[in-house]
């Protein structure tokens, strides 16, 4: 992820500073949304490619969750990925990450 560059406050009443700050923050929010959509599409394509294949000794393919989303959820909801109810609800609500043959 790129770093947010915050413009320096120069002399004056700060209106140009605030105008530039808004522009920079909007840019980075839009960039984050774009990257999230791209990761979602990649995860969907990977899940589709795996189909409903059974993993050797592991069972059916359930979800393909990008690492960024996985660790964000893990940081917000401690231990959520170990909860089968959470995983089922996540698969139900986020069909782009769901395995091809998995029905929540």
PDB file of N, CA and C in Angstrom:
ATOM      1  N   UNK A   1       0.839  -1.169   0.000  1.00  0.00           N
ATOM      2  CA  UNK A   1       0.000   0.000   0.000  1.00  0.00           C
ATOM      3  C   UNK A   1       0.881   1.227   0.000  1.00  0.00           C
ATOM      4  N   UNK A   2       0.490   2.225  -0.740  1.00  0.00           N
ATOM      5  CA  UNK A   2       1.268   3.448  -0.796  1.00  0.00           C
ATOM      6  C   UNK A   2       1.001   4.297   0.443  1.00  0.00           C
ATOM      7  N   UNK A   3       1.961   5.104   0.778  1.00  0.00           N
ATOM      8  CA  UNK A   3       1.822   5.972   1.931  1.00  0.00           C
ATOM      9  C   UNK A   3       1.017   7.200   1.564  1.00  0.00           C
ATOM     10  N   UNK A   4       0.278   7.718   2.520  1.00  0.00           N
ATOM     11  CA  UNK A   4      -0.506   8.925   2.290  1.00  0.00           C
ATOM     12  C   UNK A   4       0.408  10.123   2.482  1.00  0.00           C
ATOM     13  N   UNK A   5       0.478  10.965   1.467  1.00  0.00           N
ATOM     14  CA  UNK A   5       1.250  12.182   1.556  1.00  0.00           C
ATOM     15  C   UNK A   5       0.306  13.295   1.969  1.00  0.00           C
ATOM     16  N   UNK A   6       0.560  13.871   3.131  1.00  0.00           N
ATOM     17  CA  UNK A   6      -0.264  14.975   3.610  1.00  0.00           C
ATOM     18  C   UNK A   6       0.484  16.270   3.300  1.00  0.00           C
ATOM     19  N   UNK A   7      -0.186  17.191   2.593  1.00  0.00           N
ATOM     20  CA  UNK A   7       0.494  18.442   2.241  1.00  0.00           C
ATOM     21  C   UNK A   7       0.872  19.230   3.480  1.00  0.00           C
ATOM     22  N   UNK A   8       1.978  19.981   3.393  1.00  0.00           N
ATOM     23  CA  UNK A   8       2.466  20.788   4.510  1.00  0.00           C
ATOM     24  C   UNK A   8       1.650  22.074   4.632  1.00  0.00           C
ATOM     25  N   UNK A   9       1.425  22.480   5.860  1.00  0.00           N
ATOM     26  CA  UNK A   9       0.699  23.723   6.126  1.00  0.00           C
ATOM     27  C   UNK A   9       1.658  24.880   5.904  1.00  0.00           C
ATOM     28  N   UNK A  10       1.274  25.761   5.007  1.00  0.00           N
ATOM     29  CA  UNK A  10       2.086  26.947   4.749  1.00  0.00           C
ATOM     30  C   UNK A  10       1.381  28.144   5.356  1.00  0.00           C
ATOM     31  N   UNK A  11       1.846  29.320   5.057  1.00  0.00           N
ATOM     32  CA  UNK A  11       1.194  30.504   5.608  1.00  0.00           C
ATOM     33  C   UNK A  11      -0.206  30.670   5.028  1.00  0.00           C
ATOM     34  N   UNK A  12      -0.987  31.495   5.629  1.00  0.00           N
ATOM     35  CA  UNK A  12      -2.348  31.731   5.159  1.00  0.00           C
ATOM     36  C   UNK A  12      -3.362  31.167   6.141  1.00  0.00           C
ATOM     37  N   UNK A  13      -4.592  31.157   5.721  1.00  0.00           N
ATOM     38  CA  UNK A  13      -5.660  30.714   6.623  1.00  0.00           C
ATOM     39  C   UNK A  13      -5.897  29.201   6.591  1.00  0.00           C
ATOM     40  N   UNK A  14      -5.205  28.476   5.767  1.00  0.00           N
ATOM     41  CA  UNK A  14      -5.303  27.021   5.744  1.00  0.00           C
ATOM     42  C   UNK A  14      -6.330  26.477   4.770  1.00  0.00           C
ATOM     43  N   UNK A  15      -6.982  27.346   3.990  1.00  0.00           N
ATOM     44  CA  UNK A  15      -8.005  26.843   3.080  1.00  0.00           C
ATOM     45  C   UNK A  15      -7.396  25.978   1.974  1.00  0.00           C
ATOM     46  N   UNK A  16      -6.241  26.363   1.458  1.00  0.00           N
ATOM     47  CA  UNK A  16      -5.614  25.536   0.423  1.00  0.00           C
ATOM     48  C   UNK A  16      -5.126  24.214   1.029  1.00  0.00           C
ATOM     49  N   UNK A  17      -4.673  24.259   2.267  1.00  0.00           N
ATOM     50  CA  UNK A  17      -4.267  23.034   2.955  1.00  0.00           C
ATOM     51  C   UNK A  17      -5.440  22.068   3.056  1.00  0.00           C
ATOM     52  N   UNK A  18      -6.603  22.575   3.474  1.00  0.00           N
ATOM     53  CA  UNK A  18      -7.774  21.726   3.634  1.00  0.00           C
ATOM     54  C   UNK A  18      -8.263  21.205   2.277  1.00  0.00           C
ATOM     55  N   UNK A  19      -8.187  22.044   1.253  1.00  0.00           N
ATOM     56  CA  UNK A  19      -8.607  21.618  -0.080  1.00  0.00           C
ATOM     57  C   UNK A  19      -7.726  20.470  -0.567  1.00  0.00           C
ATOM     58  N   UNK A  20      -6.418  20.612  -0.381  1.00  0.00           N
ATOM     59  CA  UNK A  20      -5.488  19.561  -0.797  1.00  0.00           C
ATOM     60  C   UNK A  20      -5.622  18.308   0.064  1.00  0.00           C
ATOM     61  N   UNK A  21      -5.862  18.489   1.356  1.00  0.00           N
ATOM     62  CA  UNK A  21      -6.010  17.344   2.241  1.00  0.00           C
ATOM     63  C   UNK A  21      -7.213  16.503   1.816  1.00  0.00           C
ATOM     64  N   UNK A  22      -8.311  17.161   1.514  1.00  0.00           N
ATOM     65  CA  UNK A  22      -9.507  16.463   1.053  1.00  0.00           C
ATOM     66  C   UNK A  22      -9.213  15.686  -0.232  1.00  0.00           C
ATOM     67  N   UNK A  23      -8.517  16.297  -1.145  1.00  0.00           N
ATOM     68  CA  UNK A  23      -8.185  15.653  -2.412  1.00  0.00           C
ATOM     69  C   UNK A  23      -7.313  14.415  -2.191  1.00  0.00           C
ATOM     70  N   UNK A  24      -6.298  14.540  -1.352  1.00  0.00           N
ATOM     71  CA  UNK A  24      -5.418  13.400  -1.090  1.00  0.00           C
ATOM     72  C   UNK A  24      -6.156  12.269  -0.394  1.00  0.00           C
ATOM     73  N   UNK A  25      -7.002  12.599   0.585  1.00  0.00           N
ATOM     74  CA  UNK A  25      -7.733  11.555   1.295  1.00  0.00           C
ATOM     75  C   UNK A  25      -8.727  10.861   0.376  1.00  0.00           C
ATOM     76  N   UNK A  26      -9.428  11.610  -0.468  1.00  0.00           N
ATOM     77  CA  UNK A  26     -10.363  11.007  -1.417  1.00  0.00           C
ATOM     78  C   UNK A  26      -9.637  10.069  -2.387  1.00  0.00           C
ATOM     79  N   UNK A  27      -8.473  10.493  -2.843  1.00  0.00           N
ATOM     80  CA  UNK A  27      -7.694   9.664  -3.752  1.00  0.00           C
ATOM     81  C   UNK A  27      -7.360   8.320  -3.111  1.00  0.00           C
ATOM     82  N   UNK A  28      -6.901   8.340  -1.863  1.00  0.00           N
ATOM     83  CA  UNK A  28      -6.484   7.109  -1.204  1.00  0.00           C
ATOM     84  C   UNK A  28      -7.672   6.221  -0.834  1.00  0.00           C
ATOM     85  N   UNK A  29      -8.797   6.811  -0.521  1.00  0.00           N
ATOM     86  CA  UNK A  29      -9.998   6.006  -0.281  1.00  0.00           C
ATOM     87  C   UNK A  29     -10.420   5.325  -1.578  1.00  0.00           C
ATOM     88  N   UNK A  30     -10.425   6.077  -2.684  1.00  0.00           N
ATOM     89  CA  UNK A  30     -10.766   5.489  -3.985  1.00  0.00           C
ATOM     90  C   UNK A  30      -9.782   4.396  -4.378  1.00  0.00           C
ATOM     91  N   UNK A  31      -8.508   4.609  -4.110  1.00  0.00           N
ATOM     92  CA  UNK A  31      -7.489   3.606  -4.415  1.00  0.00           C
ATOM     93  C   UNK A  31      -7.723   2.331  -3.602  1.00  0.00           C
ATOM     94  N   UNK A  32      -8.060   2.474  -2.337  1.00  0.00           N
ATOM     95  CA  UNK A  32      -8.331   1.314  -1.490  1.00  0.00           C
ATOM     96  C   UNK A  32      -9.553   0.547  -1.998  1.00  0.00           C
ATOM     97  N   UNK A  33     -10.599   1.257  -2.406  1.00  0.00           N
ATOM     98  CA  UNK A  33     -11.790   0.599  -2.951  1.00  0.00           C
ATOM     99  C   UNK A  33     -11.462  -0.145  -4.243  1.00  0.00           C
ATOM    100  N   UNK A  34     -10.653   0.463  -5.095  1.00  0.00           N
ATOM    101  CA  UNK A  34     -10.244  -0.174  -6.345  1.00  0.00           C
ATOM    102  C   UNK A  34      -9.454  -1.454  -6.067  1.00  0.00           C
ATOM    103  N   UNK A  35      -8.499  -1.387  -5.138  1.00  0.00           N
ATOM    104  CA  UNK A  35      -7.692  -2.554  -4.809  1.00  0.00           C
ATOM    105  C   UNK A  35      -8.552  -3.668  -4.200  1.00  0.00           C
ATOM    106  N   UNK A  36      -9.536  -3.291  -3.386  1.00  0.00           N
ATOM    107  CA  UNK A  36     -10.440  -4.290  -2.797  1.00  0.00           C
ATOM    108  C   UNK A  36     -11.240  -5.000  -3.893  1.00  0.00           C
ATOM    109  N   UNK A  37     -11.770  -4.235  -4.842  1.00  0.00           N
ATOM    110  CA  UNK A  37     -12.519  -4.844  -5.956  1.00  0.00           C
ATOM    111  C   UNK A  37     -11.631  -5.787  -6.753  1.00  0.00           C
ATOM    112  N   UNK A  38     -10.393  -5.368  -6.993  1.00  0.00           N
ATOM    113  CA  UNK A  38      -9.460  -6.210  -7.754  1.00  0.00           C
ATOM    114  C   UNK A  38      -9.161  -7.505  -7.001  1.00  0.00           C
ATOM    115  N   UNK A  39      -8.931  -7.426  -5.696  1.00  0.00           N
ATOM    116  CA  UNK A  39      -8.679  -8.639  -4.908  1.00  0.00           C
ATOM    117  C   UNK A  39      -9.903  -9.546  -4.896  1.00  0.00           C
ATOM    118  N   UNK A  40     -11.100  -8.950  -4.834  1.00  0.00           N
ATOM    119  CA  UNK A  40     -12.325  -9.745  -4.847  1.00  0.00           C
ATOM    120  C   UNK A  40     -12.482 -10.495  -6.164  1.00  0.00           C
ATOM    121  N   UNK A  41     -12.194  -9.825  -7.265  1.00  0.00           N
ATOM    122  CA  UNK A  41     -12.289 -10.465  -8.581  1.00  0.00           C
ATOM    123  C   UNK A  41     -11.268 -11.584  -8.696  1.00  0.00           C
ATOM    124  N   UNK A  42     -10.040 -11.340  -8.230  1.00  0.00           N
ATOM    125  CA  UNK A  42      -9.004 -12.382  -8.272  1.00  0.00           C
ATOM    126  C   UNK A  42      -9.405 -13.594  -7.434  1.00  0.00           C
ATOM    127  N   UNK A  43      -9.970 -13.351  -6.241  1.00  0.00           N
ATOM    128  CA  UNK A  43     -10.392 -14.450  -5.374  1.00  0.00           C
ATOM    129  C   UNK A  43     -11.539 -15.224  -6.015  1.00  0.00           C
ATOM    130  N   UNK A  44     -12.461 -14.511  -6.646  1.00  0.00           N
ATOM    131  CA  UNK A  44     -13.578 -15.169  -7.323  1.00  0.00           C
ATOM    132  C   UNK A  44     -13.076 -16.059  -8.464  1.00  0.00           C
ATOM    133  N   UNK A  45     -12.147 -15.537  -9.250  1.00  0.00           N
ATOM    134  CA  UNK A  45     -11.587 -16.326 -10.356  1.00  0.00           C
ATOM    135  C   UNK A  45     -10.845 -17.559  -9.850  1.00  0.00           C
ATOM    136  N   UNK A  46     -10.123 -17.404  -8.749  1.00  0.00           N
ATOM    137  CA  UNK A  46      -9.399 -18.545  -8.180  1.00  0.00           C
ATOM    138  C   UNK A  46     -10.370 -19.591  -7.645  1.00  0.00           C
ATOM    139  N   UNK A  47     -11.440 -19.146  -6.970  1.00  0.00           N
ATOM    140  CA  UNK A  47     -12.446 -20.086  -6.469  1.00  0.00           C
ATOM    141  C   UNK A  47     -13.126 -20.814  -7.611  1.00  0.00           C
ATOM    142  N   UNK A  48     -13.393 -20.082  -8.695  1.00  0.00           N
ATOM    143  CA  UNK A  48     -14.040 -20.690  -9.856  1.00  0.00           C
ATOM    144  C   UNK A  48     -13.114 -21.726 -10.495  1.00  0.00           C
ATOM    145  N   UNK A  49     -11.832 -21.412 -10.549  1.00  0.00           N
ATOM    146  CA  UNK A  49     -10.867 -22.330 -11.150  1.00  0.00           C
ATOM    147  C   UNK A  49     -10.745 -23.613 -10.334  1.00  0.00           C
ATOM    148  N   UNK A  50     -10.813 -23.481  -9.007  1.00  0.00           N
ATOM    149  CA  UNK A  50     -10.739 -24.676  -8.160  1.00  0.00           C
ATOM    150  C   UNK A  50     -12.014 -25.493  -8.250  1.00  0.00           C
ATOM    151  N   UNK A  51     -13.113 -24.839  -8.562  1.00  0.00           N
ATOM    152  CA  UNK A  51     -14.390 -25.540  -8.670  1.00  0.00           C
ATOM    153  C   UNK A  51     -14.797 -26.130  -7.342  1.00  0.00           C
ATOM    154  N   UNK A  52     -15.415 -27.284  -7.375  1.00  0.00           N
ATOM    155  CA  UNK A  52     -15.811 -27.940  -6.134  1.00  0.00           C
ATOM    156  C   UNK A  52     -14.862 -29.094  -5.817  1.00  0.00           C
ATOM    157  N   UNK A  53     -13.608 -28.895  -6.141  1.00  0.00           N
ATOM    158  CA  UNK A  53     -12.596 -29.928  -5.925  1.00  0.00           C
ATOM    159  C   UNK A  53     -12.460 -30.236  -4.438  1.00  0.00           C
ATOM    160  N   UNK A  54     -12.244 -31.491  -4.161  1.00  0.00           N
ATOM    161  CA  UNK A  54     -11.972 -31.908  -2.790  1.00  0.00           C
ATOM    162  C   UNK A  54     -10.473 -31.818  -2.558  1.00  0.00           C
ATOM    163  N   UNK A  55     -10.091 -31.194  -1.476  1.00  0.00           N
ATOM    164  CA  UNK A  55      -8.683 -31.090  -1.128  1.00  0.00           C
ATOM    165  C   UNK A  55      -8.273 -32.406  -0.454  1.00  0.00           C
ATOM    166  N   UNK A  56      -7.106 -32.912  -0.785  1.00  0.00           N
ATOM    167  CA  UNK A  56      -6.651 -34.194  -0.242  1.00  0.00           C
ATOM    168  C   UNK A  56      -6.638 -34.168   1.275  1.00  0.00           C
ATOM    169  N   UNK A  57      -7.532 -34.898   1.880  1.00  0.00           N
ATOM    170  CA  UNK A  57      -7.583 -35.017   3.327  1.00  0.00           C
ATOM    171  C   UNK A  57      -8.158 -33.813   4.030  1.00  0.00           C
ATOM    172  N   UNK A  58      -8.529 -32.772   3.307  1.00  0.00           N
ATOM    173  CA  UNK A  58      -9.021 -31.565   3.953  1.00  0.00           C
ATOM    174  C   UNK A  58     -10.512 -31.330   3.727  1.00  0.00           C
ATOM    175  N   UNK A  59     -11.101 -31.967   2.750  1.00  0.00           N
ATOM    176  CA  UNK A  59     -12.519 -31.770   2.480  1.00  0.00           C
ATOM    177  C   UNK A  59     -12.742 -30.823   1.317  1.00  0.00           C
ATOM    178  N   UNK A  60     -13.944 -30.270   1.255  1.00  0.00           N
ATOM    179  CA  UNK A  60     -14.350 -29.420   0.138  1.00  0.00           C
ATOM    180  C   UNK A  60     -13.753 -28.014   0.245  1.00  0.00           C
ATOM    181  N   UNK A  61     -13.485 -27.447  -0.924  1.00  0.00           N
ATOM    182  CA  UNK A  61     -13.025 -26.049  -0.988  1.00  0.00           C
ATOM    183  C   UNK A  61     -14.196 -25.148  -0.593  1.00  0.00           C
ATOM    184  N   UNK A  62     -14.003 -24.309   0.427  1.00  0.00           N
ATOM    185  CA  UNK A  62     -15.079 -23.462   0.942  1.00  0.00           C
ATOM    186  C   UNK A  62     -14.894 -22.020   0.501  1.00  0.00           C
ATOM    187  N   UNK A  63     -13.766 -21.411   0.836  1.00  0.00           N
ATOM    188  CA  UNK A  63     -13.542 -19.989   0.565  1.00  0.00           C
ATOM    189  C   UNK A  63     -12.137 -19.750   0.041  1.00  0.00           C
ATOM    190  N   UNK A  64     -12.015 -18.707  -0.760  1.00  0.00           N
ATOM    191  CA  UNK A  64     -10.719 -18.154  -1.116  1.00  0.00           C
ATOM    192  C   UNK A  64     -10.750 -16.702  -0.658  1.00  0.00           C
ATOM    193  N   UNK A  65     -10.111 -16.431   0.477  1.00  0.00           N
ATOM    194  CA  UNK A  65     -10.134 -15.090   1.059  1.00  0.00           C
ATOM    195  C   UNK A  65      -8.760 -14.471   0.881  1.00  0.00           C
ATOM    196  N   UNK A  66      -8.674 -13.293   0.233  1.00  0.00           N
ATOM    197  CA  UNK A  66      -7.379 -12.623   0.098  1.00  0.00           C
ATOM    198  C   UNK A  66      -6.787 -12.324   1.479  1.00  0.00           C
ATOM    199  N   UNK A  67      -5.475 -12.349   1.561  1.00  0.00           N
ATOM    200  CA  UNK A  67      -4.788 -12.174   2.844  1.00  0.00           C
ATOM    201  C   UNK A  67      -5.156 -10.860   3.528  1.00  0.00           C
ATOM    202  N   UNK A  68      -5.276  -9.790   2.780  1.00  0.00           N
ATOM    203  CA  UNK A  68      -5.581  -8.491   3.391  1.00  0.00           C
ATOM    204  C   UNK A  68      -6.930  -8.526   4.106  1.00  0.00           C
ATOM    205  N   UNK A  69      -7.954  -9.087   3.446  1.00  0.00           N
ATOM    206  CA  UNK A  69      -9.270  -9.175   4.069  1.00  0.00           C
ATOM    207  C   UNK A  69      -9.244 -10.140   5.258  1.00  0.00           C
ATOM    208  N   UNK A  70      -8.533 -11.254   5.083  1.00  0.00           N
ATOM    209  CA  UNK A  70      -8.434 -12.231   6.167  1.00  0.00           C
ATOM    210  C   UNK A  70      -7.869 -11.587   7.430  1.00  0.00           C
ATOM    211  N   UNK A  71      -6.747 -10.893   7.302  1.00  0.00           N
ATOM    212  CA  UNK A  71      -6.104 -10.330   8.490  1.00  0.00           C
ATOM    213  C   UNK A  71      -6.834  -9.101   9.026  1.00  0.00           C
ATOM    214  N   UNK A  72      -7.547  -8.369   8.177  1.00  0.00           N
ATOM    215  CA  UNK A  72      -8.369  -7.266   8.691  1.00  0.00           C
ATOM    216  C   UNK A  72      -9.498  -7.798   9.554  1.00  0.00           C
ATOM    217  N   UNK A  73     -10.188  -8.852   9.070  1.00  0.00           N
ATOM    218  CA  UNK A  73     -11.245  -9.445   9.878  1.00  0.00           C
ATOM    219  C   UNK A  73     -10.663 -10.036  11.157  1.00  0.00           C
ATOM    220  N   UNK A  74      -9.512 -10.677  11.065  1.00  0.00           N
ATOM    221  CA  UNK A  74      -8.880 -11.284  12.237  1.00  0.00           C
ATOM    222  C   UNK A  74      -8.523 -10.221  13.268  1.00  0.00           C
ATOM    223  N   UNK A  75      -8.064  -9.056  12.821  1.00  0.00           N
ATOM    224  CA  UNK A  75      -7.702  -7.987  13.748  1.00  0.00           C
ATOM    225  C   UNK A  75      -8.943  -7.386  14.416  1.00  0.00           C
ATOM    226  N   UNK A  76     -10.024  -7.252  13.647  1.00  0.00           N
ATOM    227  CA  UNK A  76     -11.243  -6.656  14.200  1.00  0.00           C
ATOM    228  C   UNK A  76     -12.002  -7.625  15.099  1.00  0.00           C
ATOM    229  N   UNK A  77     -12.107  -8.860  14.679  1.00  0.00           N
ATOM    230  CA  UNK A  77     -12.873  -9.883  15.400  1.00  0.00           C
ATOM    231  C   UNK A  77     -11.923 -11.009  15.787  1.00  0.00           C
ATOM    232  N   UNK A  78     -11.316 -10.901  16.927  1.00  0.00           N
ATOM    233  CA  UNK A  78     -10.307 -11.880  17.355  1.00  0.00           C
ATOM    234  C   UNK A  78     -10.826 -13.316  17.284  1.00  0.00           C
ATOM    235  N   UNK A  79     -10.111 -14.150  16.555  1.00  0.00           N
ATOM    236  CA  UNK A  79     -10.437 -15.561  16.471  1.00  0.00           C
ATOM    237  C   UNK A  79     -11.663 -15.891  15.647  1.00  0.00           C
ATOM    238  N   UNK A  80     -12.101 -14.966  14.811  1.00  0.00           N
ATOM    239  CA  UNK A  80     -13.343 -15.179  14.064  1.00  0.00           C
ATOM    240  C   UNK A  80     -13.234 -16.327  13.070  1.00  0.00           C
ATOM    241  N   UNK A  81     -12.076 -16.565  12.516  1.00  0.00           N
ATOM    242  CA  UNK A  81     -11.948 -17.597  11.487  1.00  0.00           C
ATOM    243  C   UNK A  81     -12.020 -19.002  12.074  1.00  0.00           C
ATOM    244  N   UNK A  82     -11.852 -19.136  13.360  1.00  0.00           N
ATOM    245  CA  UNK A  82     -12.008 -20.433  14.003  1.00  0.00           C
ATOM    246  C   UNK A  82     -13.461 -20.766  14.312  1.00  0.00           C
ATOM    247  N   UNK A  83     -14.342 -19.789  14.197  1.00  0.00           N
ATOM    248  CA  UNK A  83     -15.763 -19.969  14.479  1.00  0.00           C
ATOM    249  C   UNK A  83     -16.490 -20.401  13.209  1.00  0.00           C
ATOM    250  N   UNK A  84     -17.054 -21.621  13.221  1.00  0.00           N
ATOM    251  CA  UNK A  84     -17.716 -22.143  12.022  1.00  0.00           C
ATOM    252  C   UNK A  84     -18.934 -21.304  11.637  1.00  0.00           C
ATOM    253  N   UNK A  85     -19.623 -20.746  12.610  1.00  0.00           N
ATOM    254  CA  UNK A  85     -20.779 -19.900  12.329  1.00  0.00           C
ATOM    255  C   UNK A  85     -20.372 -18.640  11.595  1.00  0.00           C
ATOM    256  N   UNK A  86     -19.256 -18.036  12.005  1.00  0.00           N
ATOM    257  CA  UNK A  86     -18.759 -16.834  11.328  1.00  0.00           C
ATOM    258  C   UNK A  86     -18.378 -17.154   9.886  1.00  0.00           C
ATOM    259  N   UNK A  87     -17.678 -18.269   9.685  1.00  0.00           N
ATOM    260  CA  UNK A  87     -17.243 -18.649   8.337  1.00  0.00           C
ATOM    261  C   UNK A  87     -18.460 -18.890   7.446  1.00  0.00           C
ATOM    262  N   UNK A  88     -19.485 -19.540   7.991  1.00  0.00           N
ATOM    263  CA  UNK A  88     -20.708 -19.796   7.224  1.00  0.00           C
ATOM    264  C   UNK A  88     -21.400 -18.481   6.836  1.00  0.00           C
ATOM    265  N   UNK A  89     -21.500 -17.547   7.794  1.00  0.00           N
ATOM    266  CA  UNK A  89     -22.114 -16.244   7.510  1.00  0.00           C
ATOM    267  C   UNK A  89     -21.272 -15.438   6.522  1.00  0.00           C
ATOM    268  N   UNK A  90     -19.952 -15.501   6.659  1.00  0.00           N
ATOM    269  CA  UNK A  90     -19.067 -14.789   5.746  1.00  0.00           C
ATOM    270  C   UNK A  90     -19.236 -15.324   4.331  1.00  0.00           C
ATOM    271  N   UNK A  91     -19.321 -16.641   4.194  1.00  0.00           N
ATOM    272  CA  UNK A  91     -19.505 -17.253   2.869  1.00  0.00           C
ATOM    273  C   UNK A  91     -20.869 -16.877   2.296  1.00  0.00           C
ATOM    274  N   UNK A  92     -21.877 -16.813   3.150  1.00  0.00           N
ATOM    275  CA  UNK A  92     -23.215 -16.446   2.682  1.00  0.00           C
ATOM    276  C   UNK A  92     -23.246 -14.996   2.188  1.00  0.00           C
ATOM    277  N   UNK A  93     -22.589 -14.101   2.926  1.00  0.00           N
ATOM    278  CA  UNK A  93     -22.644 -12.671   2.615  1.00  0.00           C
ATOM    279  C   UNK A  93     -21.654 -12.233   1.548  1.00  0.00           C
ATOM    280  N   UNK A  94     -20.625 -13.011   1.289  1.00  0.00           N
ATOM    281  CA  UNK A  94     -19.571 -12.650   0.339  1.00  0.00           C
ATOM    282  C   UNK A  94     -19.414 -13.751  -0.694  1.00  0.00           C
ATOM    283  N   UNK A  95     -20.345 -13.806  -1.618  1.00  0.00           N
ATOM    284  CA  UNK A  95     -20.361 -14.900  -2.589  1.00  0.00           C
ATOM    285  C   UNK A  95     -19.146 -14.888  -3.516  1.00  0.00           C
ATOM    286  N   UNK A  96     -18.480 -13.737  -3.673  1.00  0.00           N
ATOM    287  CA  UNK A  96     -17.319 -13.684  -4.557  1.00  0.00           C
ATOM    288  C   UNK A  96     -16.136 -14.483  -4.015  1.00  0.00           C
ATOM    289  N   UNK A  97     -16.120 -14.782  -2.715  1.00  0.00           N
ATOM    290  CA  UNK A  97     -15.038 -15.551  -2.112  1.00  0.00           C
ATOM    291  C   UNK A  97     -15.389 -17.032  -1.989  1.00  0.00           C
ATOM    292  N   UNK A  98     -16.617 -17.390  -2.228  1.00  0.00           N
ATOM    293  CA  UNK A  98     -17.120 -18.740  -1.990  1.00  0.00           C
ATOM    294  C   UNK A  98     -16.626 -19.709  -3.056  1.00  0.00           C
ATOM    295  N   UNK A  99     -16.349 -20.938  -2.626  1.00  0.00           N
ATOM    296  CA  UNK A  99     -15.985 -22.009  -3.541  1.00  0.00           C
ATOM    297  C   UNK A  99     -17.145 -22.328  -4.468  1.00  0.00           C
ATOM    298  N   UNK A 100     -16.837 -22.874  -5.620  1.00  0.00           N
ATOM    299  CA  UNK A 100     -17.842 -23.095  -6.678  1.00  0.00           C
ATOM    300  C   UNK A 100     -19.018 -23.942  -6.216  1.00  0.00           C
ATOM    301  N   UNK A 101     -18.775 -25.045  -5.550  1.00  0.00           N
ATOM    302  CA  UNK A 101     -19.860 -25.943  -5.189  1.00  0.00           C
ATOM    303  C   UNK A 101     -20.348 -25.798  -3.759  1.00  0.00           C
ATOM    304  N   UNK A 102     -19.825 -24.832  -3.017  1.00  0.00           N
ATOM    305  CA  UNK A 102     -20.155 -24.694  -1.600  1.00  0.00           C
ATOM    306  C   UNK A 102     -21.474 -23.943  -1.437  1.00  0.00           C
ATOM    307  N   UNK A 103     -22.367 -24.525  -0.639  1.00  0.00           N
ATOM    308  CA  UNK A 103     -23.651 -23.887  -0.314  1.00  0.00           C
ATOM    309  C   UNK A 103     -23.685 -23.618   1.183  1.00  0.00           C
ATOM    310  N   UNK A 104     -23.674 -22.350   1.587  1.00  0.00           N
ATOM    311  CA  UNK A 104     -23.683 -22.050   3.039  1.00  0.00           C
ATOM    312  C   UNK A 104     -25.013 -22.359   3.700  1.00  0.00           C
TER     313      UNK A 104
END
